C-alpha atoms as a PDB file:
ATOM      1  CA  MET A   1     106.193 107.524 113.326  1.00  0.00           C
ATOM      2  CA  SER A   2     108.818 105.611 115.291  1.00  0.00           C
ATOM      3  CA  ALA A   3     109.859 101.961 115.149  1.00  0.00           C
ATOM      4  CA  HIS A   4     108.429 101.538 118.644  1.00  0.00           C
ATOM      5  CA  SER A   5     105.014 102.952 117.740  1.00  0.00           C
ATOM      6  CA  ILE A   6     104.833 100.772 114.610  1.00  0.00           C
ATOM      7  CA  ALA A   7     105.759  97.675 116.626  1.00  0.00           C
ATOM      8  CA  GLN A   8     103.208  98.581 119.313  1.00  0.00           C
ATOM      9  CA  SER A   9     100.448  98.915 116.717  1.00  0.00           C
ATOM     10  CA  HIS A  10     101.271  95.427 115.420  1.00  0.00           C
ATOM     11  CA  VAL A  11     101.196  93.952 118.931  1.00  0.00           C
ATOM     12  CA  THR A  12      97.824  95.591 119.511  1.00  0.00           C
ATOM     13  CA  ALA A  13      96.561  94.126 116.229  1.00  0.00           C
ATOM     14  CA  VAL A  14      97.849  90.632 117.089  1.00  0.00           C
ATOM     15  CA  VAL A  15      96.126  90.745 120.484  1.00  0.00           C
ATOM     16  CA  ALA A  16      92.863  91.925 118.907  1.00  0.00           C
ATOM     17  CA  GLU A  17      92.968  89.325 116.136  1.00  0.00           C
ATOM     18  CA  THR A  18      93.834  86.422 118.405  1.00  0.00           C
ATOM     19  CA  THR A  19      91.256  87.488 120.995  1.00  0.00           C
ATOM     20  CA  ALA A  20      88.625  87.433 118.253  1.00  0.00           C
ATOM     21  CA  ALA A  21      89.845  83.948 117.281  1.00  0.00           C
ATOM     22  CA  ARG A  22      89.638  82.857 120.949  1.00  0.00           C
ATOM     23  CA  ILE A  23      93.367  82.224 121.118  1.00  0.00           C
ATOM     24  CA  PRO A  24      94.754  82.983 124.593  1.00  0.00           C
ATOM     25  CA  THR A  25      96.658  86.256 124.630  1.00  0.00           C
ATOM     26  CA  GLY A  26      99.649  84.648 126.341  1.00  0.00           C
ATOM     27  CA  ASP A  27      99.913  82.053 123.575  1.00  0.00           C
ATOM     28  CA  ALA A  28      99.707  84.721 120.888  1.00  0.00           C
ATOM     29  CA  LEU A  29     102.339  86.902 122.543  1.00  0.00           C
ATOM     30  CA  HIS A  30     104.631  83.906 123.030  1.00  0.00           C
ATOM     31  CA  ALA A  31     104.355  83.081 119.320  1.00  0.00           C
ATOM     32  CA  LEU A  32     105.087  86.711 118.488  1.00  0.00           C
ATOM     33  CA  LEU A  33     108.078  86.767 120.849  1.00  0.00           C
ATOM     34  CA  VAL A  34     109.560  83.622 119.288  1.00  0.00           C
ATOM     35  CA  THR A  35     109.083  85.050 115.812  1.00  0.00           C
ATOM     36  CA  VAL A  36     110.630  88.388 116.744  1.00  0.00           C
ATOM     37  CA  VAL A  37     113.620  86.766 118.467  1.00  0.00           C
ATOM     38  CA  GLN A  38     114.281  84.623 115.387  1.00  0.00           C
ATOM     39  CA  ALA A  39     114.078  87.668 113.110  1.00  0.00           C
ATOM     40  CA  TYR A  40     116.294  89.725 115.431  1.00  0.00           C
ATOM     41  CA  LYS A  41     118.873  86.915 115.504  1.00  0.00           C
ATOM     42  CA  SER A  42     118.910  86.851 111.706  1.00  0.00           C
ATOM     43  CA  ALA A  43     119.417  90.602 111.542  1.00  0.00           C
ATOM     44  CA  ARG A  44     121.816  91.086 114.454  1.00  0.00           C
ATOM     45  CA  GLY A  45     123.363  87.730 115.357  1.00  0.00           C
ATOM     46  CA  ILE A  46     123.261  85.633 118.481  1.00  0.00           C
ATOM     47  CA  ALA A  47     125.465  87.827 120.703  1.00  0.00           C
ATOM     48  CA  ASP A  48     123.444  91.004 120.084  1.00  0.00           C
ATOM     49  CA  THR A  49     120.195  89.076 120.508  1.00  0.00           C
ATOM     50  CA  ARG A  50     121.384  87.694 123.837  1.00  0.00           C
ATOM     51  CA  ARG A  51     122.422  91.178 125.042  1.00  0.00           C
ATOM     52  CA  ALA A  52     119.104  92.687 123.994  1.00  0.00           C
ATOM     53  CA  LEU A  53     117.112  89.951 125.733  1.00  0.00           C
ATOM     54  CA  GLU A  54     119.220  90.133 128.887  1.00  0.00           C
ATOM     55  CA  PHE A  55     118.793  93.904 129.013  1.00  0.00           C
ATOM     56  CA  GLN A  56     115.018  93.575 128.676  1.00  0.00           C
ATOM     57  CA  MET A  57     114.869  90.829 131.303  1.00  0.00           C
ATOM     58  CA  ASN A  58     116.968  92.880 133.734  1.00  0.00           C
ATOM     59  CA  ASN A  59     114.630  95.830 133.301  1.00  0.00           C
ATOM     60  CA  LEU A  60     111.228  94.153 133.558  1.00  0.00           C
ATOM     61  CA  ALA A  61     110.318  95.659 136.937  1.00  0.00           C
ATOM     62  CA  ASP A  62     108.441  98.929 136.648  1.00  0.00           C
ATOM     63  CA  ASP A  63     109.171 100.006 140.211  1.00  0.00           C
ATOM     64  CA  ILE A  64     112.972 100.168 140.058  1.00  0.00           C
ATOM     65  CA  ASP A  65     114.504 103.575 140.687  1.00  0.00           C
ATOM     66  CA  TYR A  66     117.797 104.203 138.953  1.00  0.00           C
ATOM     67  CA  GLU A  67     120.299 106.619 140.453  1.00  0.00           C
ATOM     68  CA  PHE A  68     120.510 108.646 137.260  1.00  0.00           C
ATOM     69  CA  MET A  69     116.723 109.181 137.171  1.00  0.00           C
ATOM     70  CA  ARG A  70     115.103 112.070 138.932  1.00  0.00           C
ATOM     71  CA  PRO A  71     111.464 112.313 140.019  1.00  0.00           C
END
């Protein structure tokens, strides 16, 4: 099991639990994001957190083709 698959299972559980509690999914994911960013900052520091967030923000689009990728 990878870190990504464990994290994904927790996100799925949060969405299911908050949906059952009639909490909007966007609100639940925002709360999770804030909590994760705070934990990441504690573990890695502000500079690494900023780089990680900037990387994720720069790669949000699913339809971007990168030169190094092949079909």
